[in-house]
Amino acid sequence: MSRILAVGSVAYDSIETPFGKRTEILAGSATYFALAARHFAKVSVVAAVGDDFRKEDLDVLASRGIDVSGVESKAGRTFLWAAKYTDDLRGRTTLSTELGVFADFKPRVPPSQSAFPYLFLGNIDPDLQRGVHAGMERPSLVVCDTMNFWIEGRREALDRTLKVIDLLVINDEEAMLLSGEGNLARAAGAILKMGPKALVVKRGEHGAAVFGKGYLLFVPALILDGVVDPTGAGDTFAGGLVGCLAALGLGGRSALDETSMRLAVSAGTALASFTVQGFGVESLVGAAPAAIAERHAQLQKLAGWSGMKLPLGESA
């Protein structure tokens, strides 16, 4: 199987939605990403946690074949984010953000992982993202995520990072802010001039749009009968997307053609549909390959496609 290096956060969230409340549950961008991508490829995680991090939570990753040797334990508290969602789940209020050891996170890629062909740069400081990239041995595909905090506060550093990546995955609000445009098409055009070869814009319940060389692709979201907690859906989506491309053995521009991206984005969409149906990772960890394939089939029918099969791994 192909190998993916995911750099980001392994953290705790305290979440309240109309359907309940959970305190300090397993979360983080690298966590959601890896639990999705592992269905398609071997995943190694580079992150930092505090000495309060529970062994059983690290075992959630390790027991599913995810390499956690790059997760460093440091003295201090694990990154903790708390939020409360509105009744319709379309808005949320951040109650607290305690960075803990994540405030001084300096990614350390084990030498054995520096030659991995697929690299996912999660939502961390752009200089750190670029530093990880510089330490890799010419990865064939580099995918990056970012957020408003870095767009507004670290713009020059982010601009430098955008020049060295292949694919940027962000939401529509972030795309507007990054580009300074109020129209999604114009925003995408401006962002592609900044360096990425392709752009995926996540639009929540409205699906995702892909802007590539010579094509525009839209993938709808699945229509679900129950959404409990939207947290982590975007990182899960990215994990399914990158994992699928890795399973196909594609890198560079060959990974970003319309056909490959259609399959990869639909893989991410199928995986994200599990995440939102439980708190934290509770529904994602229980997603079986047969259930993932079934949701992918539902998505194909919804989108009017046919004949596309997910390259799910035997160890998923």
Protein backbone atom coordinates (compact mmCIF):
# COMPACT_ATOMS: atom_id res chain seq x y z
CA MET A 1 0.00 0.00 0.00
CA SER A 2 1.07 3.60 -0.57
CA ARG A 3 2.35 5.65 2.35
CA ILE A 4 1.00 9.02 3.53
CA LEU A 5 2.59 11.36 6.06
CA ALA A 6 0.02 13.51 7.87
CA VAL A 7 1.21 16.47 9.93
CA GLY A 8 -1.33 18.24 12.13
CA SER A 9 -3.02 18.09 15.51
CA VAL A 10 -3.99 15.18 17.73
CA ALA A 11 -6.19 16.87 20.28
CA TYR A 12 -9.23 16.92 22.51
CA ASP A 13 -12.55 18.66 21.85
CA SER A 14 -15.40 19.52 24.17
CA ILE A 15 -18.51 19.81 22.04
CA GLU A 16 -22.14 20.73 22.66
CA THR A 17 -24.84 20.36 20.02
CA PRO A 18 -28.65 20.06 20.22
CA PHE A 19 -28.09 16.29 20.43
CA GLY A 20 -25.86 16.20 23.47
CA LYS A 21 -22.58 17.19 25.02
CA ARG A 22 -19.17 15.54 25.13
CA THR A 23 -16.12 16.60 27.14
CA GLU A 24 -12.49 16.12 26.07
CA ILE A 25 -13.08 13.58 23.33
CA LEU A 26 -10.45 12.48 20.82
CA ALA A 27 -10.14 14.97 17.94
CA GLY A 28 -7.62 16.97 15.91
CA SER A 29 -6.99 17.45 12.20
CA ALA A 30 -4.45 14.62 11.91
CA THR A 31 -6.72 12.27 13.86
CA TYR A 32 -9.72 12.66 11.57
CA PHE A 33 -7.50 12.66 8.48
CA ALA A 34 -5.71 9.45 9.42
CA LEU A 35 -8.85 7.56 10.42
CA ALA A 36 -10.28 8.27 6.96
CA ALA A 37 -7.13 7.82 4.87
CA ARG A 38 -6.23 4.48 6.49
CA HIS A 39 -9.02 2.83 4.51
CA PHE A 40 -6.95 3.38 1.36
CA ALA A 41 -3.28 3.64 2.36
CA LYS A 42 -0.78 3.34 5.21
CA VAL A 43 -0.75 6.53 7.27
CA SER A 44 1.88 7.92 9.62
CA VAL A 45 1.04 10.86 11.90
CA VAL A 46 3.36 13.60 13.15
CA ALA A 47 1.86 15.56 16.03
CA ALA A 48 2.40 16.55 19.66
CA VAL A 49 0.27 15.71 22.70
CA GLY A 50 0.54 16.54 26.38
CA ASP A 51 1.34 14.16 29.22
CA ASP A 52 -2.38 14.17 30.01
CA PHE A 53 -3.20 12.42 26.74
CA ARG A 54 -4.91 9.09 27.37
CA LYS A 55 -3.18 5.94 26.12
CA GLU A 56 -6.50 4.46 25.06
CA ASP A 57 -7.01 7.38 22.68
CA LEU A 58 -3.65 6.81 21.02
CA ASP A 59 -4.62 3.15 20.77
CA VAL A 60 -7.69 4.17 18.74
CA LEU A 61 -5.24 5.14 15.99
CA ALA A 62 -2.61 2.45 16.48
CA SER A 63 -5.12 -0.38 16.62
CA ARG A 64 -6.34 0.62 13.17
CA GLY A 65 -2.94 0.37 11.55
CA ILE A 66 -2.01 4.05 11.84
CA ASP A 67 1.67 4.66 12.63
CA VAL A 68 1.85 6.93 15.71
CA SER A 69 5.63 6.76 16.22
CA GLY A 70 5.79 10.42 15.15
CA VAL A 71 3.33 11.55 17.87
CA GLU A 72 5.52 13.22 20.49
CA SER A 73 4.45 13.35 24.13
CA LYS A 74 5.52 16.52 25.93
CA ALA A 75 5.12 17.87 29.43
CA GLY A 76 1.97 19.97 29.57
CA ARG A 77 -1.62 19.93 28.41
CA THR A 78 -2.96 18.53 25.16
CA PHE A 79 -4.54 21.01 22.73
CA LEU A 80 -8.17 21.46 23.83
CA TRP A 81 -10.91 23.23 21.84
CA ALA A 82 -14.43 23.78 23.16
CA ALA A 83 -17.44 24.90 21.13
CA LYS A 84 -21.23 25.04 21.16
CA TYR A 85 -23.26 24.66 17.96
CA THR A 86 -26.51 26.42 17.10
CA ASP A 87 -29.77 24.47 16.93
CA ASP A 88 -29.49 24.07 13.14
CA LEU A 89 -25.78 23.08 13.36
CA ARG A 90 -24.89 25.75 10.80
CA GLY A 91 -23.20 28.04 13.27
CA ARG A 92 -21.04 27.60 16.33
CA THR A 93 -19.43 29.60 19.09
CA THR A 94 -15.91 28.82 20.23
CA LEU A 95 -15.99 28.72 24.02
CA SER A 96 -12.28 28.25 24.58
CA THR A 97 -9.04 27.38 22.81
CA GLU A 98 -6.22 26.03 24.98
CA LEU A 99 -3.22 25.34 22.76
CA GLY A 100 -1.17 23.62 25.45
CA VAL A 101 1.87 21.86 23.99
CA PHE A 102 0.59 22.59 20.50
CA ALA A 103 1.64 26.23 20.96
CA ASP A 104 5.29 25.18 20.66
CA PHE A 105 4.75 22.34 18.19
CA LYS A 106 7.77 21.80 15.95
CA PRO A 107 7.07 18.86 13.63
CA ARG A 108 9.79 16.23 13.69
CA VAL A 109 9.52 13.82 10.79
CA PRO A 110 11.20 10.48 11.54
CA PRO A 111 13.95 9.82 8.94
CA SER A 112 12.18 6.64 7.87
CA GLN A 113 9.15 8.70 6.82
CA SER A 114 10.88 11.47 4.88
CA ALA A 115 10.66 9.54 1.60
CA PHE A 116 6.90 8.98 1.73
CA PRO A 117 5.31 9.94 -1.61
CA TYR A 118 2.18 11.58 -0.19
CA LEU A 119 2.22 14.50 2.23
CA PHE A 120 -0.71 16.15 3.97
CA LEU A 121 0.05 19.44 5.68
CA GLY A 122 -2.72 19.97 8.20
CA ASN A 123 -3.89 23.23 9.67
CA ILE A 124 -0.69 24.51 11.33
CA ASP A 125 1.56 27.57 10.96
CA PRO A 126 2.53 28.03 7.28
CA ASP A 127 6.25 28.21 8.14
CA LEU A 128 5.97 24.84 9.87
CA GLN A 129 4.13 23.43 6.87
CA ARG A 130 6.89 24.61 4.57
CA GLY A 131 9.58 23.32 6.92
CA VAL A 132 8.07 19.82 6.82
CA HIS A 133 7.90 19.97 3.04
CA ALA A 134 11.54 21.04 2.81
CA GLY A 135 12.58 18.00 4.84
CA MET A 136 10.83 15.53 2.57
CA GLU A 137 12.52 13.71 -0.31
CA ARG A 138 10.55 15.06 -3.25
CA PRO A 139 7.01 13.87 -2.43
CA SER A 140 4.91 13.16 -5.50
CA LEU A 141 1.79 14.89 -4.12
CA VAL A 142 1.56 17.63 -1.49
CA VAL A 143 -1.87 18.57 -0.12
CA CYS A 144 -2.42 21.49 2.22
CA ASP A 145 -5.13 22.85 4.50
CA THR A 146 -5.28 26.25 6.19
CA MET A 147 -7.74 28.50 8.01
CA ASN A 148 -8.78 32.11 8.58
CA PHE A 149 -6.33 32.53 11.46
CA TRP A 150 -3.33 31.95 9.19
CA ILE A 151 -4.83 33.78 6.21
CA GLU A 152 -5.32 36.92 8.29
CA GLY A 153 -2.34 36.71 10.60
CA ARG A 154 0.41 34.94 8.62
CA ARG A 155 -0.38 35.88 5.03
CA GLU A 156 3.17 36.32 3.72
CA ALA A 157 4.24 32.98 5.17
CA LEU A 158 1.12 31.32 3.75
CA ASP A 159 1.81 32.79 0.30
CA ARG A 160 5.24 31.15 0.37
CA THR A 161 3.72 27.81 1.34
CA LEU A 162 1.13 27.97 -1.44
CA LYS A 163 3.93 28.11 -3.99
CA VAL A 164 5.24 24.65 -3.07
CA ILE A 165 2.03 22.61 -2.82
CA ASP A 166 -0.01 20.75 -5.42
CA LEU A 167 -3.53 20.80 -3.96
CA LEU A 168 -5.22 23.20 -1.53
CA VAL A 169 -8.31 22.05 0.39
CA ILE A 170 -10.28 24.83 2.13
CA ASN A 171 -13.88 25.89 2.68
CA ASP A 172 -15.76 28.58 0.76
CA GLU A 173 -15.37 31.24 3.47
CA GLU A 174 -11.61 30.69 3.53
CA ALA A 175 -11.44 30.82 -0.27
CA MET A 176 -13.16 34.21 -0.30
CA LEU A 177 -10.86 35.57 2.41
CA LEU A 178 -7.69 34.24 0.81
CA SER A 179 -8.56 35.62 -2.62
CA GLY A 180 -10.30 38.85 -1.61
CA GLU A 181 -13.09 37.91 -4.02
CA GLY A 182 -16.79 37.59 -3.23
CA ASN A 183 -17.50 35.20 -6.08
CA LEU A 184 -16.36 31.58 -5.84
CA ALA A 185 -15.27 31.26 -9.47
CA ARG A 186 -13.17 34.43 -9.30
CA ALA A 187 -11.81 33.36 -5.93
CA ALA A 188 -10.68 30.02 -7.36
CA GLY A 189 -9.03 31.69 -10.33
CA ALA A 190 -7.08 34.01 -8.04
CA ILE A 191 -5.98 31.18 -5.73
CA LEU A 192 -4.74 28.99 -8.57
CA LYS A 193 -2.46 31.84 -9.62
CA MET A 194 -0.87 31.70 -6.15
CA GLY A 195 0.68 28.29 -6.78
CA PRO A 196 -1.63 25.29 -6.23
CA LYS A 197 -2.27 23.17 -9.32
CA ALA A 198 -5.82 22.46 -8.15
CA LEU A 199 -8.25 23.69 -5.51
CA VAL A 200 -10.98 21.87 -3.60
CA VAL A 201 -13.57 24.09 -1.92
CA LYS A 202 -15.58 22.38 0.82
CA ARG A 203 -19.16 23.63 1.04
CA GLY A 204 -20.57 21.50 3.86
CA GLU A 205 -24.07 20.20 3.17
CA HIS A 206 -23.81 21.70 -0.33
CA GLY A 207 -20.98 19.38 -1.37
CA ALA A 208 -17.60 20.36 -2.79
CA ALA A 209 -16.28 22.13 -5.87
CA VAL A 210 -13.01 21.25 -7.59
CA PHE A 211 -11.18 23.75 -9.74
CA GLY A 212 -8.50 22.12 -11.88
CA LYS A 213 -6.64 22.73 -15.08
CA GLY A 214 -9.31 23.07 -17.75
CA TYR A 215 -12.23 21.77 -15.69
CA LEU A 216 -14.72 22.60 -12.95
CA LEU A 217 -16.17 19.70 -10.99
CA PHE A 218 -18.99 19.63 -8.45
CA VAL A 219 -19.60 16.73 -6.10
CA PRO A 220 -22.83 16.81 -4.04
CA ALA A 221 -23.05 15.89 -0.38
CA LEU A 222 -24.99 12.84 0.71
CA ILE A 223 -28.48 13.47 2.04
CA LEU A 224 -28.42 12.15 5.60
CA ASP A 225 -31.31 11.45 7.94
CA GLY A 226 -29.38 12.59 11.00
CA VAL A 227 -26.45 14.89 11.71
CA VAL A 228 -25.17 14.98 15.28
CA ASP A 229 -21.83 16.83 15.22
CA PRO A 230 -20.18 18.45 12.16
CA THR A 231 -16.77 18.76 13.87
CA GLY A 232 -13.96 17.09 11.93
CA ALA A 233 -15.94 16.54 8.73
CA GLY A 234 -13.54 18.66 6.69
CA ASP A 235 -10.44 16.82 7.91
CA THR A 236 -12.17 13.47 7.35
CA PHE A 237 -13.02 14.62 3.83
CA ALA A 238 -9.36 15.46 3.19
CA GLY A 239 -8.29 12.06 4.50
CA GLY A 240 -10.61 10.20 2.17
CA LEU A 241 -9.54 12.37 -0.76
CA VAL A 242 -5.77 11.99 -0.27
CA GLY A 243 -6.09 8.34 0.72
CA CYS A 244 -7.95 7.55 -2.49
CA LEU A 245 -5.35 9.33 -4.65
CA ALA A 246 -2.60 7.43 -2.84
CA ALA A 247 -4.37 4.11 -3.42
CA LEU A 248 -4.58 4.93 -7.11
CA GLY A 249 -0.81 5.51 -7.07
CA LEU A 250 -1.17 8.96 -8.55
CA GLY A 251 1.08 11.95 -8.00
CA GLY A 252 1.61 15.43 -9.40
CA ARG A 253 -0.64 16.51 -12.23
CA SER A 254 -1.76 12.94 -12.98
CA ALA A 255 -3.50 12.89 -9.60
CA LEU A 256 -5.36 16.10 -10.30
CA ASP A 257 -7.15 15.27 -13.55
CA GLU A 258 -10.94 15.41 -13.58
CA THR A 259 -11.57 11.66 -13.41
CA SER A 260 -9.18 11.05 -10.51
CA MET A 261 -10.46 14.02 -8.56
CA ARG A 262 -14.08 13.00 -9.06
CA LEU A 263 -13.36 9.63 -7.45
CA ALA A 264 -11.17 11.09 -4.70
CA VAL A 265 -13.63 13.81 -3.71
CA SER A 266 -16.47 11.30 -3.65
CA ALA A 267 -14.33 9.10 -1.36
CA GLY A 268 -13.84 12.03 0.99
CA THR A 269 -17.54 12.83 0.89
CA ALA A 270 -18.51 9.25 1.74
CA LEU A 271 -16.14 9.15 4.75
CA ALA A 272 -17.21 12.58 6.03
CA SER A 273 -20.82 11.41 6.06
CA PHE A 274 -19.95 9.00 8.87
CA THR A 275 -18.15 11.60 10.98
CA VAL A 276 -21.14 13.95 11.21
CA GLN A 277 -23.42 11.18 12.48
CA GLY A 278 -21.67 10.88 15.84
CA PHE A 279 -19.70 12.95 18.31
CA GLY A 280 -16.00 13.20 17.56
CA VAL A 281 -14.63 10.09 15.90
CA GLU A 282 -17.15 7.63 17.36
CA SER A 283 -18.97 6.97 14.07
CA LEU A 284 -15.89 7.26 11.88
CA VAL A 285 -13.95 4.55 13.72
CA GLY A 286 -16.80 2.12 13.19
CA ALA A 287 -17.16 2.72 9.45
CA ALA A 288 -16.65 -0.60 7.68
CA PRO A 289 -15.39 -0.87 4.07
CA ALA A 290 -18.71 -2.31 2.90
CA ALA A 291 -20.63 0.60 4.42
CA ILE A 292 -18.22 3.11 2.87
CA ALA A 293 -18.64 1.48 -0.55
CA GLU A 294 -22.41 1.55 -0.12
CA ARG A 295 -22.41 5.28 0.59
CA HIS A 296 -20.14 5.85 -2.37
CA ALA A 297 -22.66 3.99 -4.53
CA GLN A 298 -25.44 6.20 -3.15
CA LEU A 299 -23.39 9.26 -4.01
CA GLN A 300 -22.80 8.05 -7.56
CA LYS A 301 -26.53 7.57 -8.01
CA LEU A 302 -27.24 11.00 -6.58
CA ALA A 303 -24.67 12.60 -8.89
CA GLY A 304 -25.67 10.61 -11.97
CA TRP A 305 -22.37 8.71 -12.24
CA SER A 306 -21.73 5.00 -12.66
CA GLY A 307 -18.92 2.48 -12.76
CA MET A 308 -16.57 4.17 -10.27
CA LYS A 309 -15.22 1.82 -7.59
CA LEU A 310 -13.36 2.98 -4.49
CA PRO A 311 -9.87 1.48 -4.12
CA LEU A 312 -10.45 0.42 -0.50
CA GLY A 313 -7.56 -1.50 1.06
CA GLU A 314 -7.86 -5.03 2.39
CA SER A 315 -6.66 -3.92 5.83
CA ALA A 316 -9.30 -1.20 6.13
